[in-house]
């Protein structure tokens, strides 16, 4: 009997050694976007998969897609309350919390997403966002490309076509640009833009093409003016105290997939996504495209560039310093 008991214990021990150890840290990551959204499939999922492949016994990240747990308005509260431990958010959607980072939404400045993502990362590393990001740890920055102007059954051949029109934008910076050309800016987040156009609440929007496939905006627009009307900054982040509480090995894994090199890699993919999305919109339905010429862009900058920058400086703590530092960061990041 004793021998059979020992044999059974040894057999059980052998079986236990073949079962993978549970992850020491499992972090829920709220993306606020549907599982099939290009942001999730092209950007966030590959980034998470690379982390999860390192050492599952140390760290695993579990995606929580869709707006039920986290949405584009409550993302900061959800990670702060530890509903999720990692979250995706766009800073312009919480502009009061992230005023200095709105420098990344200024028109005319960013040449592409790769450059913009690295510049945002450099700004963070150099302490320019410390006042608003002291309680969080941004793991990676994602810069969205310059937005264009889009209408439904209304010409989009010049900036003057905004006169008298209700135009949606998620950025207070771009809202000033809309007003400068006689339009009425509406602050409506991306997931609600389709219905606003469909119901006539809005007549146009300023948005980059990456948003079109995922939110089906091509179904409610017909005319497009390609112009450098401002970008947008997203980031994946954790609360600092939650990050600091991770085991050193888990932090090391995250750190290897964070920072400016990671931002550059994701920026390259966002630029490819923008090109693919533009091609997608071109191939769907009858529509009209116009592109501002170099002369028209120069006229645009001359008319609204200085006032937009002055407005940013006036409403932003340390705005002049932030703007100058951002110009330097863009130069250091490199453009096309």
Protein backbone atom coordinates (compact mmCIF):
# COMPACT_ATOMS: atom_id res chain seq x y z
CA UNK A 1 0.00 0.00 0.00
CA UNK A 2 2.79 2.39 0.97
CA UNK A 3 4.66 1.68 -2.27
CA UNK A 4 1.53 2.30 -4.35
CA UNK A 5 1.00 5.64 -2.57
CA UNK A 6 4.59 6.74 -3.25
CA UNK A 7 4.23 5.71 -6.90
CA UNK A 8 1.02 7.69 -7.22
CA UNK A 9 2.63 10.80 -5.72
CA UNK A 10 5.63 10.54 -8.03
CA UNK A 11 3.32 10.11 -11.01
CA UNK A 12 1.31 13.19 -10.00
CA UNK A 13 4.52 15.21 -9.60
CA UNK A 14 5.65 14.18 -13.07
CA UNK A 15 2.33 15.32 -14.55
CA UNK A 16 2.56 18.67 -12.81
CA UNK A 17 5.96 19.38 -14.31
CA UNK A 18 4.50 19.07 -17.81
CA UNK A 19 1.85 21.78 -17.22
CA UNK A 20 3.07 25.30 -18.09
CA UNK A 21 3.33 27.60 -15.11
CA UNK A 22 0.67 30.27 -14.92
CA UNK A 23 1.70 33.75 -15.98
CA UNK A 24 3.01 35.72 -13.03
CA UNK A 25 1.30 38.84 -14.34
CA UNK A 26 -1.80 38.96 -16.52
CA UNK A 27 -2.73 42.48 -17.60
CA UNK A 28 -6.09 43.34 -19.15
CA UNK A 29 -5.70 45.79 -22.04
CA UNK A 30 -8.78 47.84 -22.99
CA UNK A 31 -8.60 48.95 -26.62
CA UNK A 32 -12.02 50.71 -26.86
CA UNK A 33 -12.30 49.44 -30.45
CA UNK A 34 -14.03 46.43 -32.02
CA UNK A 35 -11.89 43.35 -32.55
CA UNK A 36 -12.02 43.76 -36.34
CA UNK A 37 -11.03 47.45 -36.33
CA UNK A 38 -7.76 48.09 -38.23
CA UNK A 39 -6.25 49.77 -35.17
CA UNK A 40 -6.67 46.48 -33.31
CA UNK A 41 -5.72 44.13 -36.15
CA UNK A 42 -2.83 46.16 -37.62
CA UNK A 43 -1.36 47.99 -34.63
CA UNK A 44 -2.37 46.78 -31.18
CA UNK A 45 -2.68 43.02 -31.65
CA UNK A 46 0.77 42.53 -33.27
CA UNK A 47 2.30 44.67 -30.52
CA UNK A 48 0.65 42.55 -27.82
CA UNK A 49 1.54 39.28 -29.54
CA UNK A 50 5.22 40.25 -29.61
CA UNK A 51 5.13 40.92 -25.87
CA UNK A 52 3.25 37.72 -25.08
CA UNK A 53 5.73 35.65 -27.07
CA UNK A 54 8.66 36.63 -24.84
CA UNK A 55 7.99 34.67 -21.64
CA UNK A 56 4.42 33.60 -20.79
CA UNK A 57 5.54 32.55 -17.32
CA UNK A 58 6.39 36.17 -16.56
CA UNK A 59 3.88 38.35 -18.42
CA UNK A 60 0.77 38.00 -20.54
CA UNK A 61 -1.50 40.72 -21.88
CA UNK A 62 -5.16 39.95 -22.59
CA UNK A 63 -6.96 42.19 -25.07
CA UNK A 64 -10.36 43.53 -24.06
CA UNK A 65 -11.82 44.84 -27.32
CA UNK A 66 -15.02 46.78 -27.85
CA UNK A 67 -16.58 49.72 -26.02
CA UNK A 68 -18.36 47.82 -23.23
CA UNK A 69 -15.47 47.89 -20.73
CA UNK A 70 -13.50 50.85 -22.10
CA UNK A 71 -14.61 53.51 -24.58
CA UNK A 72 -13.07 56.59 -26.15
CA UNK A 73 -14.33 58.87 -23.39
CA UNK A 74 -13.74 56.90 -20.17
CA UNK A 75 -10.39 55.24 -20.97
CA UNK A 76 -8.45 57.16 -18.31
CA UNK A 77 -11.01 56.43 -15.58
CA UNK A 78 -11.04 52.72 -16.43
CA UNK A 79 -7.30 52.29 -16.11
CA UNK A 80 -7.16 54.54 -13.04
CA UNK A 81 -9.83 52.40 -11.36
CA UNK A 82 -7.94 49.22 -12.32
CA UNK A 83 -10.86 47.90 -14.37
CA UNK A 84 -8.09 47.30 -16.90
CA UNK A 85 -4.38 47.63 -16.26
CA UNK A 86 -3.42 48.90 -19.70
CA UNK A 87 -5.42 51.10 -22.03
CA UNK A 88 -5.51 52.77 -25.43
CA UNK A 89 -6.56 56.41 -25.59
CA UNK A 90 -6.42 59.43 -27.91
CA UNK A 91 -5.25 62.50 -26.04
CA UNK A 92 -7.53 64.92 -27.92
CA UNK A 93 -10.54 63.01 -26.58
CA UNK A 94 -9.49 64.06 -23.06
CA UNK A 95 -8.04 67.44 -23.98
CA UNK A 96 -8.45 68.96 -20.54
CA UNK A 97 -6.20 66.28 -19.08
CA UNK A 98 -3.59 66.36 -21.86
CA UNK A 99 -3.35 69.98 -23.07
CA UNK A 100 0.39 70.02 -23.82
CA UNK A 101 0.22 66.90 -25.96
CA UNK A 102 -2.28 68.68 -28.21
CA UNK A 103 0.75 70.22 -29.88
CA UNK A 104 0.75 66.98 -31.91
CA UNK A 105 -2.60 67.96 -33.45
CA UNK A 106 -1.37 71.24 -34.94
CA UNK A 107 -1.78 71.39 -38.73
CA UNK A 108 1.10 71.68 -41.21
CA UNK A 109 3.81 70.34 -38.88
CA UNK A 110 3.94 66.53 -39.05
CA UNK A 111 5.05 65.02 -42.35
CA UNK A 112 4.06 61.42 -41.60
CA UNK A 113 3.06 59.16 -38.73
CA UNK A 114 6.53 57.70 -38.29
CA UNK A 115 8.05 61.11 -37.72
CA UNK A 116 5.20 62.23 -35.48
CA UNK A 117 5.26 59.13 -33.27
CA UNK A 118 8.98 59.46 -32.64
CA UNK A 119 8.64 63.18 -31.98
CA UNK A 120 5.92 62.55 -29.39
CA UNK A 121 8.12 59.96 -27.72
CA UNK A 122 11.06 62.39 -27.64
CA UNK A 123 8.82 65.05 -26.11
CA UNK A 124 7.89 62.60 -23.36
CA UNK A 125 11.49 61.52 -22.78
CA UNK A 126 12.59 65.16 -22.55
CA UNK A 127 9.99 65.92 -19.88
CA UNK A 128 7.77 68.17 -21.97
CA UNK A 129 4.63 66.19 -21.06
CA UNK A 130 5.54 65.67 -17.40
CA UNK A 131 2.88 67.99 -16.05
CA UNK A 132 0.05 65.92 -17.51
CA UNK A 133 1.60 62.44 -17.61
CA UNK A 134 3.25 62.23 -14.19
CA UNK A 135 0.79 59.59 -12.98
CA UNK A 136 0.97 57.35 -16.03
CA UNK A 137 3.58 55.41 -17.97
CA UNK A 138 3.11 55.79 -21.73
CA UNK A 139 4.38 52.54 -23.22
CA UNK A 140 4.09 53.50 -26.87
CA UNK A 141 2.88 56.51 -28.84
CA UNK A 142 0.90 56.27 -32.09
CA UNK A 143 0.68 59.38 -34.24
CA UNK A 144 -2.15 59.64 -36.73
CA UNK A 145 -1.43 61.36 -40.06
CA UNK A 146 -2.61 64.77 -41.17
CA UNK A 147 -6.36 64.97 -41.55
CA UNK A 148 -8.25 66.01 -44.67
CA UNK A 149 -11.62 67.67 -45.21
CA UNK A 150 -14.64 65.55 -46.19
CA UNK A 151 -18.24 66.40 -47.06
CA UNK A 152 -21.43 64.60 -47.99
CA UNK A 153 -22.85 65.88 -51.28
CA UNK A 154 -21.05 69.20 -50.97
CA UNK A 155 -17.97 70.42 -52.86
CA UNK A 156 -14.58 70.02 -51.19
CA UNK A 157 -12.30 71.87 -53.58
CA UNK A 158 -10.90 74.56 -51.29
CA UNK A 159 -10.88 75.58 -47.66
CA UNK A 160 -13.53 78.20 -48.43
CA UNK A 161 -16.03 75.37 -48.98
CA UNK A 162 -16.31 75.13 -45.18
CA UNK A 163 -18.14 78.45 -45.01
CA UNK A 164 -21.55 78.00 -43.42
CA UNK A 165 -21.03 74.26 -42.90
CA UNK A 166 -21.14 72.22 -39.68
CA UNK A 167 -17.83 70.38 -39.57
CA UNK A 168 -16.85 67.75 -37.01
CA UNK A 169 -13.42 67.53 -35.46
CA UNK A 170 -12.07 65.86 -32.35
CA UNK A 171 -9.38 68.50 -31.83
CA UNK A 172 -9.80 71.99 -30.37
CA UNK A 173 -6.83 73.08 -32.48
CA UNK A 174 -8.56 72.14 -35.72
CA UNK A 175 -11.80 73.68 -34.47
CA UNK A 176 -10.06 77.04 -34.72
CA UNK A 177 -9.10 76.31 -38.31
CA UNK A 178 -12.72 75.49 -39.18
CA UNK A 179 -13.88 78.75 -37.66
CA UNK A 180 -11.24 80.69 -39.58
CA UNK A 181 -12.91 79.62 -42.82
CA UNK A 182 -16.46 80.34 -41.71
CA UNK A 183 -17.46 76.87 -40.62
CA UNK A 184 -19.08 75.79 -37.37
CA UNK A 185 -16.91 73.22 -35.57
CA UNK A 186 -18.63 70.35 -33.80
CA UNK A 187 -16.82 68.30 -31.15
CA UNK A 188 -17.97 64.76 -31.89
CA UNK A 189 -15.90 61.65 -31.24
CA UNK A 190 -15.16 59.30 -34.11
CA UNK A 191 -17.63 56.50 -33.22
CA UNK A 192 -20.53 59.01 -33.38
CA UNK A 193 -19.50 60.70 -36.64
CA UNK A 194 -21.32 58.26 -38.94
CA UNK A 195 -24.70 58.91 -37.33
CA UNK A 196 -24.10 62.66 -37.19
CA UNK A 197 -23.57 62.74 -40.95
CA UNK A 198 -26.41 60.33 -41.59
CA UNK A 199 -28.88 62.40 -39.57
CA UNK A 200 -27.67 65.78 -40.82
CA UNK A 201 -26.41 66.88 -37.42
CA UNK A 202 -23.13 67.54 -39.22
CA UNK A 203 -22.31 68.14 -42.88
CA UNK A 204 -18.62 67.39 -42.95
CA UNK A 205 -15.61 66.33 -40.94
CA UNK A 206 -11.87 66.83 -40.66
CA UNK A 207 -10.32 63.38 -40.33
CA UNK A 208 -7.50 61.25 -41.68
CA UNK A 209 -8.37 58.28 -43.89
CA UNK A 210 -7.41 55.63 -41.32
CA UNK A 211 -10.78 56.18 -39.65
CA UNK A 212 -12.81 55.49 -42.78
CA UNK A 213 -12.81 51.67 -43.13
CA UNK A 214 -13.27 50.92 -39.44
CA UNK A 215 -16.08 53.44 -38.90
CA UNK A 216 -17.57 53.16 -42.43
CA UNK A 217 -17.27 56.89 -43.03
CA UNK A 218 -16.96 56.29 -46.78
CA UNK A 219 -20.68 55.43 -46.73
CA UNK A 220 -21.65 58.94 -45.64
CA UNK A 221 -19.11 61.07 -47.53
CA UNK A 222 -18.69 61.87 -51.22
CA UNK A 223 -16.19 64.74 -51.51
CA UNK A 224 -12.64 64.89 -50.16
CA UNK A 225 -10.06 67.67 -49.97
CA UNK A 226 -6.64 66.28 -49.17
CA UNK A 227 -4.82 68.85 -47.06
CA UNK A 228 -2.54 68.96 -43.98
CA UNK A 229 -5.20 69.89 -41.43
CA UNK A 230 -3.73 68.43 -38.26
CA UNK A 231 -2.96 65.05 -36.77
CA UNK A 232 -3.80 63.22 -33.57
CA UNK A 233 -1.92 61.34 -30.89
CA UNK A 234 -2.87 58.02 -29.35
CA UNK A 235 -0.98 56.05 -26.75
CA UNK A 236 -0.97 52.80 -24.82
CA UNK A 237 -0.36 53.48 -21.16
CA UNK A 238 -0.56 52.17 -17.59
CA UNK A 239 -0.94 53.96 -14.30
CA UNK A 240 2.51 54.55 -12.85
CA UNK A 241 1.83 52.84 -9.53
CA UNK A 242 0.52 49.73 -11.33
CA UNK A 243 3.55 49.65 -13.60
CA UNK A 244 5.93 50.11 -10.67
CA UNK A 245 4.25 47.20 -8.85
CA UNK A 246 5.11 44.76 -11.65
CA UNK A 247 7.97 42.32 -11.08
CA UNK A 248 11.24 43.54 -12.55
CA UNK A 249 11.20 40.81 -15.22
CA UNK A 250 7.72 41.87 -16.37
CA UNK A 251 8.74 45.54 -16.55
CA UNK A 252 11.80 44.55 -18.56
CA UNK A 253 9.62 42.81 -21.15
CA UNK A 254 7.36 45.85 -21.47
CA UNK A 255 10.33 48.18 -21.71
CA UNK A 256 11.77 46.19 -24.62
CA UNK A 257 8.59 46.86 -26.58
CA UNK A 258 8.18 50.48 -25.52
CA UNK A 259 9.86 53.77 -26.28
CA UNK A 260 10.89 55.54 -29.46
CA UNK A 261 11.99 52.51 -31.49
CA UNK A 262 8.61 50.90 -30.92
CA UNK A 263 6.86 54.18 -31.77
CA UNK A 264 8.78 54.39 -35.04
CA UNK A 265 7.83 50.83 -36.00
CA UNK A 266 4.16 51.47 -35.31
CA UNK A 267 4.36 54.79 -37.15
CA UNK A 268 5.55 53.01 -40.28
CA UNK A 269 2.54 50.69 -40.05
CA UNK A 270 0.15 53.63 -39.54
CA UNK A 271 1.52 55.30 -42.67
CA UNK A 272 0.87 52.08 -44.61
CA UNK A 273 -2.61 51.90 -43.07
CA UNK A 274 -3.35 55.48 -44.19
CA UNK A 275 -2.27 54.68 -47.75
CA UNK A 276 -4.37 51.51 -47.81
CA UNK A 277 -7.39 53.35 -46.37
CA UNK A 278 -7.13 56.08 -48.99
CA UNK A 279 -7.08 53.41 -51.69
CA UNK A 280 -10.10 51.76 -50.05
CA UNK A 281 -12.08 55.01 -50.09
CA UNK A 282 -11.14 55.73 -53.71
CA UNK A 283 -12.46 52.34 -54.77
CA UNK A 284 -15.79 52.59 -52.97
CA UNK A 285 -18.52 54.49 -54.77
CA UNK A 286 -18.61 57.60 -56.89
CA UNK A 287 -16.75 60.41 -55.20
CA UNK A 288 -14.64 63.45 -55.95
CA UNK A 289 -11.09 64.11 -54.74
CA UNK A 290 -9.11 67.33 -54.76
CA UNK A 291 -5.65 68.00 -53.32
CA UNK A 292 -4.39 71.38 -52.17
CA UNK A 293 -1.50 72.56 -54.32
CA UNK A 294 1.75 73.73 -52.75
CA UNK A 295 0.67 77.30 -53.42
CA UNK A 296 -2.68 76.71 -51.71
CA UNK A 297 -0.98 75.13 -48.72
CA UNK A 298 1.35 78.12 -48.47
CA UNK A 299 -1.66 80.45 -48.54
CA UNK A 300 -3.35 78.34 -45.87
CA UNK A 301 -0.30 78.48 -43.60
CA UNK A 302 0.05 82.23 -44.13
CA UNK A 303 -3.59 82.83 -43.25
CA UNK A 304 -4.11 80.60 -40.22
CA UNK A 305 -0.74 79.18 -39.16
CA UNK A 306 0.31 81.97 -36.82
CA UNK A 307 -3.14 82.47 -35.21
CA UNK A 308 -3.53 78.74 -34.57
CA UNK A 309 -0.11 78.55 -32.94
CA UNK A 310 -0.82 81.69 -30.91
CA UNK A 311 -4.09 80.20 -29.68
CA UNK A 312 -2.31 77.01 -28.64
CA UNK A 313 0.35 78.97 -26.77
CA UNK A 314 -2.26 81.11 -25.02
CA UNK A 315 -4.38 78.25 -23.67
CA UNK A 316 -1.59 75.78 -22.89
CA UNK A 317 0.59 75.88 -19.76
CA UNK A 318 4.11 76.57 -21.00
CA UNK A 319 2.74 76.63 -24.54
CA UNK A 320 5.57 78.58 -26.15
CA UNK A 321 8.18 76.23 -24.69
CA UNK A 322 6.17 73.18 -25.76
CA UNK A 323 5.79 74.44 -29.32
CA UNK A 324 9.48 75.18 -29.70
CA UNK A 325 10.44 71.82 -28.19
CA UNK A 326 8.05 70.07 -30.60
CA UNK A 327 9.67 71.71 -33.62
CA UNK A 328 13.01 70.44 -32.35
CA UNK A 329 11.64 66.95 -31.72
CA UNK A 330 10.19 66.75 -35.24
CA UNK A 331 13.55 67.71 -36.67
CA UNK A 332 15.32 65.13 -34.53
CA UNK A 333 12.76 62.46 -35.49
CA UNK A 334 13.29 63.02 -39.21
CA UNK A 335 10.73 63.34 -41.96
CA UNK A 336 10.30 62.04 -45.44
